C-alpha atoms as a PDB file:
ATOM      1  CA  MET A   1    -243.511  92.092 -69.778  1.00  0.00           C
ATOM      2  CA  LEU A   2    -240.661  89.711 -70.463  1.00  0.00           C
ATOM      3  CA  HIS A   3    -238.447  87.617 -68.183  1.00  0.00           C
ATOM      4  CA  LEU A   4    -234.976  86.117 -68.462  1.00  0.00           C
ATOM      5  CA  THR A   5    -233.776  82.606 -67.575  1.00  0.00           C
ATOM      6  CA  LYS A   6    -230.224  81.807 -66.550  1.00  0.00           C
ATOM      7  CA  LEU A   7    -228.356  78.706 -65.390  1.00  0.00           C
ATOM      8  CA  ALA A   8    -227.018  79.004 -61.835  1.00  0.00           C
ATOM      9  CA  VAL A   9    -223.745  77.224 -62.602  1.00  0.00           C
ATOM     10  CA  GLY A  10    -222.199  75.514 -59.578  1.00  0.00           C
ATOM     11  CA  VAL A  11    -225.215  76.197 -57.371  1.00  0.00           C
ATOM     12  CA  ARG A  12    -226.633  73.144 -55.577  1.00  0.00           C
ATOM     13  CA  ASP A  13    -230.021  74.451 -54.452  1.00  0.00           C
ATOM     14  CA  ILE A  14    -231.913  77.607 -53.523  1.00  0.00           C
ATOM     15  CA  ALA A  15    -230.270  77.816 -50.098  1.00  0.00           C
ATOM     16  CA  HIS A  16    -226.840  77.724 -51.747  1.00  0.00           C
ATOM     17  CA  LEU A  17    -227.864  80.475 -54.211  1.00  0.00           C
ATOM     18  CA  ARG A  18    -228.976  82.570 -51.227  1.00  0.00           C
ATOM     19  CA  GLU A  19    -225.550  82.060 -49.561  1.00  0.00           C
ATOM     20  CA  VAL A  20    -223.600  82.885 -52.726  1.00  0.00           C
ATOM     21  CA  GLN A  21    -225.607  86.055 -53.323  1.00  0.00           C
ATOM     22  CA  ALA A  22    -225.346  87.194 -49.699  1.00  0.00           C
ATOM     23  CA  GLU A  23    -221.561  86.945 -49.945  1.00  0.00           C
ATOM     24  CA  ARG A  24    -221.526  88.875 -53.248  1.00  0.00           C
ATOM     25  CA  VAL A  25    -223.619  91.668 -51.740  1.00  0.00           C
ATOM     26  CA  ARG A  26    -221.362  91.801 -48.696  1.00  0.00           C
ATOM     27  CA  LEU A  27    -218.226  92.126 -50.835  1.00  0.00           C
ATOM     28  CA  ASP A  28    -219.501  94.254 -53.728  1.00  0.00           C
ATOM     29  CA  PRO A  29    -223.031  95.705 -53.508  1.00  0.00           C
ATOM     30  CA  PRO A  30    -225.555  96.015 -55.075  1.00  0.00           C
ATOM     31  CA  LEU A  31    -226.700  92.482 -55.855  1.00  0.00           C
ATOM     32  CA  ARG A  32    -226.095  91.909 -59.530  1.00  0.00           C
ATOM     33  CA  HIS A  33    -225.298  89.208 -62.003  1.00  0.00           C
ATOM     34  CA  ARG A  34    -222.779  90.198 -64.645  1.00  0.00           C
ATOM     35  CA  THR A  35    -223.282  88.951 -68.181  1.00  0.00           C
ATOM     36  CA  ARG A  36    -221.412  89.566 -71.422  1.00  0.00           C
ATOM     37  CA  ASN A  37    -224.353  91.007 -73.361  1.00  0.00           C
ATOM     38  CA  ALA A  38    -227.193  93.252 -72.265  1.00  0.00           C
ATOM     39  CA  PRO A  39    -230.689  92.212 -73.321  1.00  0.00           C
ATOM     40  CA  ARG A  40    -231.758  94.131 -76.425  1.00  0.00           C
ATOM     41  CA  ARG A  41    -235.314  94.045 -75.102  1.00  0.00           C
ATOM     42  CA  ALA A  42    -234.326  95.660 -71.797  1.00  0.00           C
ATOM     43  CA  GLU A  43    -237.389  97.923 -71.633  1.00  0.00           C
ATOM     44  CA  GLU A  44    -239.705  94.897 -71.735  1.00  0.00           C
ATOM     45  CA  VAL A  45    -237.626  93.048 -69.154  1.00  0.00           C
ATOM     46  CA  LEU A  46    -237.565  96.026 -66.783  1.00  0.00           C
ATOM     47  CA  ALA A  47    -241.347  96.443 -67.021  1.00  0.00           C
ATOM     48  CA  GLY A  48    -241.859  93.988 -64.142  1.00  0.00           C
ATOM     49  CA  GLY A  49    -239.686  91.109 -65.364  1.00  0.00           C
ATOM     50  CA  SER A  50    -237.690  88.648 -63.285  1.00  0.00           C
ATOM     51  CA  LEU A  51    -234.599  86.520 -63.675  1.00  0.00           C
ATOM     52  CA  TYR A  52    -235.602  82.839 -63.408  1.00  0.00           C
ATOM     53  CA  TRP A  53    -232.772  80.648 -62.136  1.00  0.00           C
ATOM     54  CA  VAL A  54    -232.218  77.111 -63.406  1.00  0.00           C
ATOM     55  CA  ILE A  55    -230.651  74.996 -60.657  1.00  0.00           C
ATOM     56  CA  ALA A  56    -229.759  71.308 -61.060  1.00  0.00           C
ATOM     57  CA  GLY A  57    -231.725  70.962 -64.288  1.00  0.00           C
ATOM     58  CA  ALA A  58    -234.915  72.756 -63.252  1.00  0.00           C
ATOM     59  CA  THR A  59    -236.221  76.310 -63.154  1.00  0.00           C
ATOM     60  CA  VAL A  60    -236.957  76.662 -59.427  1.00  0.00           C
ATOM     61  CA  VAL A  61    -236.658  80.285 -58.280  1.00  0.00           C
ATOM     62  CA  ARG A  62    -236.903  83.848 -59.550  1.00  0.00           C
ATOM     63  CA  GLN A  63    -235.722  87.308 -58.594  1.00  0.00           C
ATOM     64  CA  ALA A  64    -237.200  90.606 -59.732  1.00  0.00           C
ATOM     65  CA  LEU A  65    -234.961  92.571 -62.091  1.00  0.00           C
ATOM     66  CA  ILE A  66    -234.435  96.095 -60.793  1.00  0.00           C
ATOM     67  CA  ASP A  67    -232.109  97.456 -63.461  1.00  0.00           C
ATOM     68  CA  ILE A  68    -229.781  96.575 -66.309  1.00  0.00           C
ATOM     69  CA  ALA A  69    -226.631  98.675 -66.192  1.00  0.00           C
ATOM     70  CA  GLU A  70    -223.265  98.955 -67.888  1.00  0.00           C
ATOM     71  CA  ASP A  71    -220.568  97.362 -65.751  1.00  0.00           C
ATOM     72  CA  HIS A  72    -217.052  95.929 -65.940  1.00  0.00           C
ATOM     73  CA  TRP A  73    -215.443  92.604 -65.074  1.00  0.00           C
ATOM     74  CA  LYS A  74    -212.482  92.618 -62.680  1.00  0.00           C
ATOM     75  CA  ASP A  75    -210.113  92.816 -65.666  1.00  0.00           C
ATOM     76  CA  GLY A  76    -211.806  96.007 -66.902  1.00  0.00           C
ATOM     77  CA  THR A  77    -213.693  94.374 -69.779  1.00  0.00           C
ATOM     78  CA  ALA A  78    -217.139  95.858 -70.358  1.00  0.00           C
ATOM     79  CA  CYS A  79    -220.211  93.795 -69.500  1.00  0.00           C
ATOM     80  CA  ALA A  80    -223.823  94.236 -68.426  1.00  0.00           C
ATOM     81  CA  ALA A  81    -225.060  93.983 -64.848  1.00  0.00           C
ATOM     82  CA  LEU A  82    -228.478  92.518 -64.151  1.00  0.00           C
ATOM     83  CA  VAL A  83    -229.323  94.250 -60.871  1.00  0.00           C
ATOM     84  CA  LEU A  84    -231.509  91.947 -58.782  1.00  0.00           C
ATOM     85  CA  ASP A  85    -233.924  92.238 -55.893  1.00  0.00           C
ATOM     86  CA  PRO A  86    -232.396  90.064 -53.129  1.00  0.00           C
ATOM     87  CA  VAL A  87    -235.720  88.291 -52.457  1.00  0.00           C
ATOM     88  CA  LEU A  88    -235.738  84.755 -53.894  1.00  0.00           C
ATOM     89  CA  VAL A  89    -239.246  83.661 -54.904  1.00  0.00           C
ATOM     90  CA  PRO A  90    -239.641  79.876 -55.313  1.00  0.00           C
ATOM     91  CA  VAL A  91    -241.604  78.838 -58.396  1.00  0.00           C
ATOM     92  CA  ARG A  92    -243.176  75.579 -59.511  1.00  0.00           C
ATOM     93  CA  ALA A  93    -240.191  73.539 -60.611  1.00  0.00           C
ATOM     94  CA  ARG A  94    -239.934  72.961 -64.324  1.00  0.00           C
ATOM     95  CA  PRO A  95    -237.308  70.713 -65.954  1.00  0.00           C
ATOM     96  CA  THR A  96    -235.022  72.840 -68.123  1.00  0.00           C
ATOM     97  CA  LYS A  97    -232.354  71.678 -70.556  1.00  0.00           C
ATOM     98  CA  PRO A  98    -228.905  73.274 -70.351  1.00  0.00           C
ATOM     99  CA  PHE A  99    -228.149  76.353 -72.469  1.00  0.00           C
ATOM    100  CA  GLN A 100    -225.487  79.035 -72.598  1.00  0.00           C
ATOM    101  CA  GLY A 101    -225.981  82.636 -71.543  1.00  0.00           C
ATOM    102  CA  TRP A 102    -229.496  83.755 -70.758  1.00  0.00           C
ATOM    103  CA  ARG A 103    -232.780  83.340 -72.618  1.00  0.00           C
ATOM    104  CA  TYR A 104    -235.931  85.404 -72.884  1.00  0.00           C
ATOM    105  CA  LEU A 105    -239.008  83.942 -71.205  1.00  0.00           C
ATOM    106  CA  PRO A 106    -242.424  85.332 -72.189  1.00  0.00           C
ATOM    107  CA  ALA A 107    -244.605  86.093 -69.163  1.00  0.00           C
ATOM    108  CA  ALA A 108    -247.249  83.625 -70.383  1.00  0.00           C
ATOM    109  CA  ASP A 109    -244.662  80.804 -70.286  1.00  0.00           C
ATOM    110  CA  ALA A 110    -243.175  81.613 -66.872  1.00  0.00           C
ATOM    111  CA  PRO A 111    -243.667  79.071 -64.072  1.00  0.00           C
ATOM    112  CA  ALA A 112    -246.082  80.134 -61.343  1.00  0.00           C
ATOM    113  CA  ASP A 113    -244.841  81.211 -57.936  1.00  0.00           C
ATOM    114  CA  LEU A 114    -245.137  78.580 -55.231  1.00  0.00           C
ATOM    115  CA  VAL A 115    -247.693  79.473 -52.640  1.00  0.00           C
ATOM    116  CA  THR A 116    -246.152  79.101 -49.227  1.00  0.00           C
ATOM    117  CA  GLY A 117    -248.184  78.084 -46.235  1.00  0.00           C
ATOM    118  CA  LYS A 118    -250.053  74.997 -45.096  1.00  0.00           C
ATOM    119  CA  ILE A 119    -249.803  72.144 -47.607  1.00  0.00           C
ATOM    120  CA  GLU A 120    -252.511  69.499 -47.347  1.00  0.00           C
ATOM    121  CA  GLY A 121    -251.007  66.164 -46.280  1.00  0.00           C
ATOM    122  CA  ALA A 122    -247.631  67.649 -45.303  1.00  0.00           C
ATOM    123  CA  ASP A 123    -248.111  66.525 -41.692  1.00  0.00           C
ATOM    124  CA  ALA A 124    -248.091  62.904 -42.866  1.00  0.00           C
ATOM    125  CA  LEU A 125    -244.578  63.205 -44.334  1.00  0.00           C
ATOM    126  CA  PRO A 126    -241.556  62.016 -42.353  1.00  0.00           C
ATOM    127  CA  PRO A 127    -239.973  64.950 -40.464  1.00  0.00           C
ATOM    128  CA  ALA A 128    -236.626  64.629 -42.278  1.00  0.00           C
ATOM    129  CA  LEU A 129    -238.321  64.777 -45.695  1.00  0.00           C
ATOM    130  CA  LEU A 130    -240.488  67.696 -44.621  1.00  0.00           C
ATOM    131  CA  LYS A 131    -237.391  69.574 -43.408  1.00  0.00           C
ATOM    132  CA  GLU A 132    -235.548  68.972 -46.684  1.00  0.00           C
ATOM    133  CA  LEU A 133    -238.534  70.077 -48.772  1.00  0.00           C
ATOM    134  CA  ARG A 134    -238.701  73.308 -46.762  1.00  0.00           C
ATOM    135  CA  GLU A 135    -234.952  73.915 -47.157  1.00  0.00           C
ATOM    136  CA  LEU A 136    -235.339  73.485 -50.926  1.00  0.00           C
ATOM    137  CA  CYS A 137    -238.252  75.964 -50.851  1.00  0.00           C
ATOM    138  CA  LEU A 138    -240.559  73.341 -52.325  1.00  0.00           C
ATOM    139  CA  ILE A 139    -243.115  73.706 -49.541  1.00  0.00           C
END
């Protein structure tokens, strides 16, 4: 299995990515991210791989890849569509340097999913901080 990483350009946080994607699905389903080139290792990526999003300098969330299909930009130019599961799965944040396009990410190097639920010591945090951490899908 192989994953992809991609910068979420212009996206502030996970909540903003969720809003942007909801609007895209509303206007032009299914949920997909268009990219100039299709992965040459598509079979490996589609064998359970995900697209890991880099937001504000860190890999913070992933989405399962459902399909990779031929598509077209609005001007008719050919491109590839990474068809995504709409569920955003927060992962352990990992600082990530900027890059162009997408990159392969071996499964062994992928950040672990964040386990949601009761976090020890969370009750001691100020309510405003706790709220912000939840909105960022960090707890």
